[in-house]
Protein backbone atom coordinates (compact mmCIF):
# COMPACT_ATOMS: atom_id res chain seq x y z
CA MET A 1 -0.34 -0.10 -0.18
CA LEU A 2 1.15 3.96 -1.24
CA LYS A 3 2.10 5.57 2.07
CA GLN A 4 3.15 9.55 2.03
CA HIS A 5 5.45 11.20 3.63
CA LEU A 6 8.25 13.67 4.36
CA GLN A 7 11.41 13.21 4.16
CA GLN A 8 14.25 15.64 4.84
CA LYS A 9 17.80 15.44 2.22
CA LEU A 10 20.73 17.58 2.94
CA LEU A 11 22.54 17.25 -1.01
CA GLN A 12 25.46 18.96 -2.11
CA LYS A 13 25.70 19.41 -6.21
CA LEU A 14 28.53 20.59 -8.11
CA SER A 15 27.19 22.99 -11.32
CA PRO A 16 28.61 22.87 -14.46
CA GLN A 17 31.15 25.71 -13.38
CA GLN A 18 32.20 24.47 -10.61
CA ILE A 19 33.13 21.25 -12.40
CA GLN A 20 35.16 22.80 -15.23
CA PHE A 21 37.11 25.05 -12.97
CA ILE A 22 38.12 22.14 -10.84
CA LYS A 23 39.25 20.03 -14.12
CA LEU A 24 41.04 23.28 -15.36
CA LEU A 25 42.62 24.22 -12.13
CA GLN A 26 44.18 20.36 -11.66
CA ILE A 27 45.76 20.00 -14.77
CA PRO A 28 49.11 21.35 -15.70
CA THR A 29 50.33 24.44 -17.73
CA VAL A 30 51.56 22.08 -20.33
CA SER A 31 47.53 20.96 -20.77
CA LEU A 32 46.29 23.83 -20.42
CA ASP A 33 46.98 24.76 -24.03
CA THR A 34 45.62 21.97 -25.23
CA ARG A 35 42.56 22.41 -23.63
CA ILE A 36 41.98 26.31 -24.77
CA LYS A 37 42.06 24.58 -27.87
CA GLU A 38 39.62 21.78 -28.08
CA GLU A 39 36.90 24.96 -26.87
CA LEU A 40 37.73 27.37 -28.86
CA GLU A 41 36.68 24.26 -31.92
CA GLU A 42 33.61 23.58 -29.61
CA ASN A 43 32.36 27.28 -28.82
CA PRO A 44 32.20 29.69 -32.59
CA ALA A 45 30.95 32.39 -29.43
CA LEU A 46 35.00 31.91 -28.03
CA GLU A 47 37.40 33.96 -29.76
CA ASP A 48 41.31 33.93 -29.44
CA LEU A 49 42.62 37.38 -29.50
CA SER A 50 46.79 36.56 -30.63
CA LEU A 51 45.01 34.79 -33.99
CA SER A 52 41.97 36.93 -35.24
CA ASN A 53 42.63 40.89 -36.62
CA MET A 54 40.99 43.42 -35.17
CA ASN A 55 41.92 46.06 -38.00
CA ASP A 56 40.26 43.81 -40.84
CA LEU A 57 36.52 44.14 -39.17
CA PRO A 58 33.67 43.71 -41.43
CA GLU A 59 31.59 47.12 -42.12
CA GLU A 60 28.86 46.13 -40.71
CA TYR A 61 30.76 45.97 -37.58
CA PRO A 62 30.50 49.21 -35.54
CA ASP A 63 34.17 50.58 -34.59
CA ARG A 64 36.18 48.72 -31.47
CA ASP A 65 36.49 52.06 -29.86
CA GLU A 66 33.13 53.35 -30.01
CA GLU A 67 31.07 51.86 -27.02
CA GLU A 68 28.14 49.34 -28.27
CA HIS A 69 24.78 50.45 -27.15
CA SER A 70 21.44 48.24 -27.45
CA GLY A 71 18.41 49.35 -27.77
CA GLU A 72 15.24 49.05 -25.90
CA GLY A 73 13.70 46.06 -28.17
CA GLU A 74 10.33 44.13 -27.86
CA GLU A 75 9.81 41.76 -24.72
CA THR A 76 7.47 39.17 -24.93
CA GLU A 77 7.04 36.20 -22.20
CA ASN A 78 9.62 33.01 -24.22
CA TYR A 79 12.64 35.89 -23.82
CA ASP A 80 12.14 36.60 -20.05
CA GLU A 81 15.12 34.43 -19.14
CA PHE A 82 17.77 36.12 -20.53
CA ASN A 83 18.51 40.29 -20.38
CA VAL A 84 20.48 41.34 -24.45
CA ASP A 85 22.03 44.04 -22.09
CA ASP A 86 24.33 41.41 -20.81
CA TYR A 87 25.74 40.84 -23.88
CA LEU A 88 26.21 44.18 -25.46
CA GLN A 89 27.98 46.00 -22.71
CA GLU A 90 31.69 46.37 -23.11
CA ASP A 91 32.77 45.82 -19.81
CA ASP A 92 31.11 42.76 -20.15
CA VAL A 93 33.37 41.48 -22.90
CA HIS A 94 36.13 39.62 -20.55
CA ASP A 95 38.82 39.79 -21.80
CA TYR A 96 41.67 37.16 -21.18
CA GLY A 97 45.85 38.18 -21.53
CA SER A 98 47.63 40.23 -21.33
CA LYS A 99 46.65 41.77 -17.33
CA TYR A 100 47.07 38.57 -16.85
CA ASP A 101 51.05 37.79 -17.61
CA GLN A 102 52.41 37.37 -14.54
CA ASN A 103 55.98 37.24 -15.91
CA GLY A 104 56.34 40.61 -16.91
CA GLU A 105 57.40 40.20 -20.09
CA GLU A 106 56.26 41.85 -23.10
CA GLU A 107 53.56 39.99 -25.52
CA ASP A 108 55.65 40.06 -28.40
CA GLU A 109 58.52 37.74 -27.15
CA ARG A 110 55.70 35.14 -26.51
CA LYS A 111 57.21 32.43 -27.93
CA GLU A 112 56.39 28.41 -29.65
CA ILE A 113 58.34 25.66 -27.41
CA PRO A 114 60.34 24.10 -30.51
CA PHE A 115 59.82 20.24 -30.76
CA ALA A 116 62.06 17.76 -32.87
CA VAL A 117 60.79 15.84 -36.14
CA GLN A 118 62.08 13.00 -35.33
CA GLY A 119 61.31 8.95 -36.57
CA SER A 120 60.23 6.42 -34.24
CA PHE A 121 62.41 3.58 -32.34
CA PHE A 122 60.91 1.38 -35.02
CA GLU A 123 60.86 3.55 -38.25
CA THR A 124 65.05 3.76 -37.47
CA LEU A 125 65.04 0.14 -37.51
CA GLN A 126 63.10 -0.97 -40.00
CA ALA A 127 64.67 2.40 -42.43
CA GLN A 128 68.14 -0.31 -41.38
CA LEU A 129 65.95 -3.11 -43.11
CA ASP A 130 65.57 -1.16 -46.23
CA LEU A 131 69.12 -0.75 -46.98
CA MET A 132 69.69 -4.98 -46.69
CA PRO A 133 69.74 -6.13 -49.73
CA LEU A 134 67.26 -9.57 -49.34
CA SER A 135 64.73 -11.27 -50.49
CA ASP A 136 61.19 -10.38 -50.40
CA LYS A 137 60.95 -14.00 -48.29
CA ASP A 138 63.42 -12.31 -45.89
CA PHE A 139 62.49 -9.04 -45.49
CA LEU A 140 58.65 -9.92 -44.40
CA ILE A 141 60.63 -12.08 -42.06
CA GLY A 142 62.62 -9.24 -41.10
CA ARG A 143 60.05 -6.70 -40.62
CA GLN A 144 58.25 -9.22 -38.79
CA ILE A 145 60.97 -9.26 -36.32
CA ILE A 146 61.09 -5.90 -35.88
CA GLY A 147 57.39 -5.55 -35.61
CA SER A 148 57.53 -8.48 -32.69
CA LEU A 149 59.87 -6.28 -30.45
CA ASP A 150 59.54 -4.86 -26.98
CA ASP A 151 59.35 -0.92 -26.24
CA ASP A 152 63.06 -1.68 -24.54
CA GLY A 153 64.21 -3.44 -27.66
CA TYR A 154 63.89 -7.21 -26.68
CA LEU A 155 62.02 -10.11 -28.40
CA ARG A 156 60.51 -12.05 -26.27
CA ARG A 157 58.81 -13.77 -28.46
CA PRO A 158 59.11 -17.62 -28.86
CA ILE A 159 60.79 -17.95 -33.34
CA LEU A 160 57.99 -20.47 -33.20
CA SER A 161 55.13 -18.04 -32.69
CA LEU A 162 56.98 -16.01 -35.09
CA ILE A 163 56.53 -18.31 -37.58
CA ASP A 164 53.17 -18.85 -36.57
CA ASP A 165 52.48 -15.08 -37.28
CA LEU A 166 54.30 -14.85 -41.13
CA ALA A 167 52.06 -17.51 -42.16
CA PHE A 168 48.77 -16.07 -40.56
CA SER A 169 49.06 -13.03 -41.36
CA GLN A 170 51.47 -12.89 -44.02
CA ASN A 171 50.89 -15.88 -45.63
CA VAL A 172 55.07 -16.48 -45.58
CA PHE A 173 56.31 -20.10 -44.70
CA ALA A 174 59.23 -19.90 -42.58
CA GLU A 175 61.66 -22.07 -41.40
CA GLU A 176 63.26 -22.04 -37.73
CA ASP A 177 66.91 -21.73 -39.34
CA GLU A 178 65.82 -18.94 -42.12
CA VAL A 179 64.61 -16.67 -38.97
CA GLU A 180 67.38 -17.20 -36.53
CA GLU A 181 69.59 -16.15 -39.33
CA MET A 182 67.20 -12.85 -39.46
CA LEU A 183 67.40 -12.49 -36.19
CA LYS A 184 70.64 -12.04 -36.10
CA MET A 185 71.73 -9.48 -38.71
CA ILE A 186 69.07 -7.53 -36.65
CA GLN A 187 70.89 -8.19 -33.65
CA HIS A 188 74.02 -6.19 -35.58
CA PHE A 189 71.12 -2.70 -35.78
CA GLU A 190 71.50 -0.07 -33.75
CA PRO A 191 71.50 0.60 -30.80
CA PRO A 192 73.71 -2.64 -29.83
CA GLY A 193 72.65 -5.22 -28.27
CA ILE A 194 69.03 -4.83 -30.03
CA ALA A 195 66.77 -7.66 -30.54
CA ALA A 196 67.88 -10.06 -27.64
CA ARG A 197 65.83 -12.87 -26.08
CA ASP A 198 67.49 -11.71 -22.77
CA LEU A 199 69.40 -9.56 -20.80
CA GLN A 200 72.33 -12.10 -20.99
CA GLU A 201 72.20 -12.02 -24.59
CA CYS A 202 71.39 -8.52 -24.79
CA LEU A 203 74.93 -7.72 -22.28
CA LEU A 204 76.58 -10.31 -25.01
CA ILE A 205 75.77 -8.59 -28.24
CA GLN A 206 77.28 -5.50 -27.05
CA LEU A 207 80.73 -7.10 -25.41
CA ARG A 208 81.29 -9.22 -28.70
CA ARG A 209 81.32 -5.68 -30.87
CA LYS A 210 83.67 -4.22 -29.04
CA GLU A 211 87.39 -4.52 -29.74
CA GLN A 212 88.49 -8.10 -28.25
CA ASN A 213 91.08 -7.71 -25.47
CA GLU A 214 91.50 -9.53 -22.03
CA VAL A 215 89.19 -7.13 -20.22
CA ILE A 216 86.55 -8.17 -22.50
CA LYS A 217 87.15 -11.01 -22.26
CA ASN A 218 87.12 -11.31 -18.68
CA ALA A 219 83.73 -9.21 -19.05
CA SER A 220 82.23 -11.94 -21.88
CA LEU A 221 83.55 -15.37 -19.24
CA ILE A 222 81.47 -13.32 -16.50
CA VAL A 223 78.24 -12.11 -17.90
CA GLU A 224 78.15 -16.00 -20.29
CA LYS A 225 79.11 -18.25 -17.17
CA HIS A 226 78.54 -16.23 -13.75
CA LEU A 227 75.71 -13.53 -14.39
CA ASP A 228 74.32 -14.94 -11.63
CA GLU A 229 76.93 -13.62 -8.92
CA PHE A 230 78.07 -10.69 -10.74
CA THR A 231 74.05 -9.51 -10.32
CA ARG A 232 73.76 -10.01 -6.94
CA LYS A 233 77.00 -8.66 -6.47
CA HIS A 234 78.63 -11.72 -4.79
CA TYR A 235 82.46 -10.23 -5.87
CA ASP A 236 84.01 -12.69 -3.79
CA LYS A 237 82.75 -15.61 -5.28
CA LEU A 238 83.62 -14.70 -8.84
CA GLU A 239 87.15 -14.47 -7.71
CA ARG A 240 87.40 -17.51 -6.26
CA SER A 241 85.93 -19.42 -8.82
CA LEU A 242 87.85 -17.45 -12.59
CA ASN A 243 90.65 -16.99 -10.07
CA MET A 244 90.61 -13.30 -10.63
CA SER A 245 92.77 -11.05 -8.96
CA PRO A 246 90.90 -7.83 -7.66
CA GLU A 247 91.94 -5.77 -9.82
CA LEU A 248 91.19 -7.23 -13.15
CA LEU A 249 87.28 -8.46 -11.60
CA LYS A 250 87.07 -4.81 -10.81
CA GLU A 251 88.05 -3.90 -14.57
CA ALA A 252 85.74 -6.57 -16.10
CA ILE A 253 83.20 -5.02 -13.94
CA GLN A 254 83.22 -1.53 -15.53
CA GLU A 255 83.01 -2.49 -18.40
CA ILE A 256 80.22 -4.15 -17.93
CA LEU A 257 78.30 -1.44 -15.57
CA LYS A 258 78.75 0.70 -19.00
CA LEU A 259 76.81 -1.87 -21.32
CA ASN A 260 73.35 -0.58 -22.04
CA PRO A 261 70.23 -2.95 -19.84
CA LYS A 262 67.39 -1.68 -22.37
CA PRO A 263 68.58 -0.69 -25.28
CA GLY A 264 65.50 0.44 -27.17
CA ASP A 265 64.54 2.72 -23.63
CA SER A 266 67.21 4.49 -24.18
CA SER A 267 67.26 5.34 -28.58
CA GLU A 268 66.90 8.17 -28.43
CA ILE A 269 64.66 8.08 -31.96
CA ASN A 270 62.37 6.08 -29.06
CA SER A 271 62.42 7.82 -25.92
CA LYS A 272 59.76 10.49 -25.63
CA GLN A 273 60.37 13.43 -22.81
CA LEU A 274 58.17 15.32 -21.27
CA GLN A 275 58.75 18.91 -21.60
CA ILE A 276 58.31 20.63 -18.24
CA ILE A 277 56.45 24.02 -18.50
CA PRO A 278 57.21 25.69 -14.74
CA ASP A 279 53.52 27.22 -14.05
CA PHE A 280 55.30 29.61 -11.64
CA HIS A 281 58.89 31.36 -11.26
CA ILE A 282 59.96 32.47 -8.32
CA HIS A 283 63.14 34.80 -8.39
CA ASN A 284 65.39 35.56 -5.76
CA ASN A 285 66.15 39.34 -5.69
CA ASP A 286 68.61 40.60 -2.98
CA GLY A 287 66.42 38.26 -0.42
CA VAL A 288 63.69 39.30 -1.73
CA LEU A 289 61.37 36.14 -2.73
CA ILE A 290 59.33 37.74 -6.17
CA LEU A 291 56.80 35.16 -7.44
CA THR A 292 55.24 35.02 -10.75
CA LEU A 293 52.65 33.08 -12.76
CA ASN A 294 53.70 31.57 -15.95
CA ALA A 295 50.61 32.40 -18.74
CA LYS A 296 52.78 32.13 -22.03
CA ASN A 297 50.48 29.53 -23.55
CA ALA A 298 47.42 30.71 -22.04
CA PRO A 299 46.13 32.86 -25.50
CA GLU A 300 43.59 35.71 -24.91
CA LEU A 301 40.33 34.95 -24.80
CA ARG A 302 37.30 37.14 -25.18
CA VAL A 303 33.47 36.44 -26.36
CA SER A 304 32.98 36.89 -29.72
CA ARG A 305 32.12 40.22 -31.56
CA SER A 306 30.47 38.54 -33.88
CA TYR A 307 27.68 36.71 -31.44
CA GLN A 308 26.76 39.89 -29.91
CA GLU A 309 26.24 41.57 -32.89
CA MET A 310 23.61 38.81 -34.01
CA PHE A 311 21.96 39.14 -30.25
CA GLN A 312 22.16 43.46 -31.58
CA HIS A 313 19.82 42.45 -34.52
CA TYR A 314 17.66 40.05 -32.15
CA ASP A 315 16.97 43.12 -30.48
CA LYS A 316 16.11 45.24 -33.15
CA ALA A 317 13.61 42.93 -34.65
CA SER A 318 9.91 43.07 -34.76
CA LYS A 319 9.10 39.74 -35.71
CA LYS A 320 10.11 36.93 -33.97
CA ASP A 321 9.04 33.33 -34.76
CA LYS A 322 10.35 30.19 -34.04
CA LYS A 323 13.44 29.62 -35.77
CA MET A 324 14.93 32.61 -34.64
CA ARG A 325 13.92 32.45 -30.85
CA GLU A 326 16.07 28.55 -31.49
CA ALA A 327 18.98 30.65 -33.32
CA VAL A 328 18.88 33.25 -30.64
CA GLN A 329 18.72 30.13 -27.60
CA PHE A 330 21.56 28.89 -29.21
CA VAL A 331 23.50 32.19 -29.72
CA LYS A 332 22.64 32.55 -25.83
CA GLN A 333 23.90 29.20 -24.77
CA LYS A 334 27.29 29.69 -26.39
CA LEU A 335 28.27 32.96 -24.62
CA ASP A 336 27.37 31.72 -21.55
CA SER A 337 29.21 29.02 -22.19
CA ALA A 338 32.25 31.47 -23.50
CA LYS A 339 32.13 33.25 -20.43
CA TRP A 340 31.83 30.73 -18.12
CA PHE A 341 34.93 29.18 -19.88
CA ILE A 342 37.05 32.82 -19.52
CA ASP A 343 35.49 33.30 -15.85
CA ALA A 344 37.22 29.69 -14.43
CA ILE A 345 40.22 30.63 -16.55
CA LYS A 346 40.87 33.50 -14.61
CA GLN A 347 39.29 31.74 -11.36
CA ARG A 348 41.91 29.12 -11.98
CA GLN A 349 45.24 31.69 -12.54
CA GLN A 350 43.47 33.56 -9.08
CA THR A 351 44.32 30.04 -6.85
CA LEU A 352 46.98 29.34 -8.58
CA LEU A 353 49.10 32.40 -7.17
CA LYS A 354 47.67 32.94 -3.98
CA THR A 355 48.54 29.03 -3.43
CA MET A 356 51.56 29.04 -4.71
CA ASN A 357 51.92 32.01 -2.71
CA ALA A 358 50.68 30.72 1.02
CA ILE A 359 53.61 27.28 0.28
CA MET A 360 56.45 29.94 -0.78
CA HIS A 361 56.11 31.92 2.25
CA PHE A 362 55.46 29.36 4.31
CA GLN A 363 58.58 28.07 3.26
CA TYR A 364 60.33 30.81 3.02
CA ASP A 365 63.89 29.72 3.91
CA TYR A 366 64.39 27.28 1.84
CA PHE A 367 63.60 29.05 -1.85
CA LEU A 368 66.55 31.73 -1.01
CA THR A 369 69.22 29.01 -0.13
CA GLY A 370 67.77 25.69 -2.05
CA ASP A 371 68.78 24.17 1.03
CA GLU A 372 66.35 20.51 2.09
CA ARG A 373 67.34 21.05 5.55
CA SER A 374 65.24 24.25 5.53
CA LEU A 375 62.13 22.48 4.41
CA LYS A 376 59.48 23.21 7.35
CA PRO A 377 56.72 20.52 8.20
CA MET A 378 53.92 21.19 5.88
CA ILE A 379 50.37 19.57 5.50
CA LEU A 380 47.88 19.95 2.65
CA LYS A 381 45.68 20.96 5.51
CA ASP A 382 48.07 24.02 6.70
CA ILE A 383 48.11 25.70 3.54
CA ALA A 384 44.70 25.73 3.01
CA GLU A 385 43.58 26.97 5.86
CA GLN A 386 45.97 29.83 5.19
CA ILE A 387 44.32 30.70 1.95
CA GLY A 388 40.60 29.40 3.13
CA MET A 389 39.83 27.22 0.54
CA ASP A 390 39.38 23.07 0.60
CA ILE A 391 41.92 20.64 1.33
CA SER A 392 41.22 19.07 -2.39
CA THR A 393 41.91 22.11 -4.17
CA VAL A 394 44.87 22.40 -2.56
CA SER A 395 45.72 18.98 -3.14
CA ARG A 396 45.10 19.34 -7.39
CA VAL A 397 47.31 22.70 -7.50
CA ALA A 398 50.09 20.23 -6.02
CA ASN A 399 49.78 17.59 -7.76
CA SER A 400 50.83 18.76 -11.16
CA LYS A 401 51.82 21.80 -11.06
CA TYR A 402 55.60 23.04 -11.33
CA VAL A 403 57.39 25.67 -9.48
CA GLN A 404 60.89 26.83 -11.84
CA THR A 405 63.43 28.41 -8.90
CA GLU A 406 66.79 29.85 -9.31
CA PHE A 407 68.48 25.97 -8.23
CA GLY A 408 66.24 23.86 -10.46
CA THR A 409 62.35 23.08 -11.28
CA PHE A 410 60.32 20.78 -8.77
CA LEU A 411 56.86 19.62 -8.05
CA LEU A 412 54.52 21.83 -6.01
CA LYS A 413 53.87 18.52 -3.65
CA SER A 414 57.87 17.65 -3.65
CA PHE A 415 57.47 20.24 -0.52
CA PHE A 416 54.53 19.03 1.48
CA SER A 417 56.45 16.60 4.50
CA GLU A 418 55.48 14.64 7.52
CA GLY A 419 57.11 16.26 10.38
CA ILE A 420 59.56 14.01 12.63
CA GLN A 421 59.79 15.04 16.87
CA MET A 422 63.69 15.59 17.22
CA GLU A 423 65.40 14.53 21.07
CA GLY A 424 65.51 18.08 21.56
CA GLY A 425 61.98 18.46 21.38
CA GLU A 426 61.70 19.85 17.65
CA GLU A 427 60.06 19.26 14.58
CA VAL A 428 61.46 19.25 11.44
CA SER A 429 60.46 17.65 8.17
CA ASN A 430 61.81 14.04 7.18
CA LYS A 431 63.59 15.73 4.07
CA GLU A 432 65.85 16.86 6.31
CA VAL A 433 66.32 13.35 7.31
CA LYS A 434 66.14 12.11 4.13
CA LYS A 435 68.53 14.60 2.58
CA ILE A 436 71.16 13.35 5.52
CA LEU A 437 70.81 10.13 4.97
CA GLU A 438 72.02 10.47 1.37
CA GLU A 439 74.70 12.05 2.57
CA CYS A 440 75.91 9.54 5.10
CA ILE A 441 75.38 6.21 1.89
CA GLY A 442 76.78 9.16 -0.42
CA ASN A 443 79.91 9.13 2.01
CA GLU A 444 80.37 5.50 3.16
CA ASP A 445 82.92 2.75 2.14
CA LYS A 446 81.82 1.11 -0.44
CA ARG A 447 83.61 -1.61 0.06
CA ASN A 448 82.20 -1.88 3.30
CA PRO A 449 78.72 -0.30 2.38
CA LEU A 450 76.23 1.03 5.75
CA ALA A 451 74.12 -1.72 6.85
CA ASP A 452 70.39 -0.15 7.86
CA GLU A 453 70.60 -1.02 11.42
CA ARG A 454 73.82 1.05 11.46
CA LEU A 455 71.96 4.04 9.41
CA THR A 456 69.94 4.17 12.34
CA GLU A 457 72.60 4.72 14.82
CA ILE A 458 74.03 7.57 12.61
CA LEU A 459 70.68 9.33 12.69
CA LYS A 460 70.11 8.65 16.46
CA GLU A 461 73.64 10.01 16.91
CA LYS A 462 72.13 13.04 15.00
CA GLY A 463 69.32 13.86 17.33
CA TYR A 464 67.04 12.16 14.55
CA ASN A 465 65.03 9.30 16.90
CA ILE A 466 63.79 7.00 14.15
CA ALA A 467 62.95 3.10 13.77
CA ARG A 468 65.19 1.08 11.33
CA ARG A 469 61.73 0.33 9.43
CA THR A 470 61.21 4.03 8.47
CA VAL A 471 65.43 4.64 7.56
CA ALA A 472 64.61 1.24 4.97
CA LYS A 473 61.32 2.94 3.94
CA TYR A 474 63.27 6.22 2.96
CA ARG A 475 66.00 4.52 1.95
CA GLU A 476 63.24 2.82 -0.65
CA ALA A 477 61.20 6.01 -1.62
CA MET A 478 64.84 7.38 -2.42
CA ASN A 479 65.35 4.18 -4.39
CA ILE A 480 69.01 3.36 -2.98
CA PRO A 481 70.07 -0.43 -2.79
CA VAL A 482 70.18 -2.71 0.62
CA ALA A 483 73.64 -2.67 1.47
CA ARG A 484 74.66 -5.58 -0.22
CA LEU A 485 73.83 -4.06 -3.85
CA ARG A 486 75.93 -1.18 -2.87
CA LYS A 487 78.75 -3.16 -2.41
CA GLU A 488 81.50 -1.84 -5.13
CA LEU A 489 85.50 -3.42 -5.32
C-alpha cells in the first residue's frame, strides 16, 4: 500500500561552472593550451585575440573604439529568461590575456616551444632493414621480427610463434633457421644489443661488438658463465670461481656496467621526454622572493563580437518566429559557455597564485637557499587553512604543478612533508632526514656499505630518533638499494 511521508535530505551538487573550474585547476600549464584550443574549436562564441586581426573588421561591425548600445527591443514572455544588454556591454567582454600575464614580459616576446621531429624507434630499425640487400621473403621475416620487439628492444616472442605469425598474417611459410638467421642480422643493427631475447644475450651482443682484449674477454666470461653472481654482487665468489685478481675483476665489472640493459628505452629516437613547463617562477631579488605565474601558453580570450552582434540584430527585429527564437537560444548558450570558460580560467590563475604564494611564504627559508634541510614540516591542511580553501583544492594544485627556482624546477607536492620529533623537542621535516640519510650513504665506504641498522645509529647520534624500518622506508623511497647491492670493489 502506497503511503505519503515527508523526508529531509541534505545534498551537495556541483554546478557545471564549478566542475569546469575543477577540471581546469588540476591540469598543468603544459596541458592548458591544448584544453583552450579544444574549447575554441567547440565554441564559436569564444575568440582567441592572438589569432584574429582586429584591424580587419567587416563594415557592418561598429568601430571597436565606439561604445556599443543596445536598443530597447520588444520583450515577450518567451524571452524573459535573459537580457540582451548582458551580452552587449563593453565592460562584459571578459578579455583574458596580458593583464594576467605575470611574467613581466612583453606579449610580443611570447615564443612557441620547438619540438624536434624525429622518427620512432621502430621506424629507425625499419630504415636499417630497407638498406639491406634481401629477398622479399627475408624482408618480410625481418619486418615481422622488428614489429614483434618490445618497447625496451627485446624479442620475447618465441621463434615458433613468429613463424605462425608470418604464416597467418603475411602468408609466408618460413623455417626456424631462416628466422634465426634474420634475427642475428637484426641484432647487428643500431643501437647495440637490440633484438636480444634476454639480458644475458643483450649484454653479450654489446660486448662482442667491442674491440676484443683481456678486459672484454673477462667481462664476456662473467656475463656468459656467472651472470647471477654478478647481479647479486657476490664478488668474493667471482674472484674464487674465475681465479681472478680484484684489479682485473674490477676492470671487467666496469666494462659490464657501461653496457645498456635496455637498448630500446635508451634510443634517443624512441624516448618521449615530457616537456616540463613550470607553472610558477620564483626569483630571489636581494633576499626578497618574487613570485610570478607563467601564462605564456594561455592565449588572449574574449567573447566573440559577431555573436554579440547577433543579439543586437535580434533586439531590433520586429518579428520573432520559432526559428529565430531557437537561433537566439543557441547563441545565448554559446555566449554563456564562453563567459563561464573565461571566468574559470581567471579563477584558476587566481587560485594558483594564492596557493603558491602561501607555499612560498611557508617555506621562505628554503626558497632563499635551496637547502632541503631548511624545509619545514608542511601538510595540505596548513596551506588550506592559510588561503581559506578546501584541502582538495590545494591537492589539485600541488599534484600537477611545477615551480622554477634558481636551483631547479620542482613539483609542488615535493615541498609537503610530515614532521619528525627530535630529541630536543624540535619538529623537523622528513625531507631533512632523507637528505642526511642520502649524505651518509653517499660518503660511505663502498667496499663496506652501511647497513640499515648502522644508518639508524648514525641518525640517532645526530638527534633524529627514528626506527630502522623508517630508515628502510626512506631509503626505498629514494631508490637506494640495500647495503649488499651497493657494494663495489
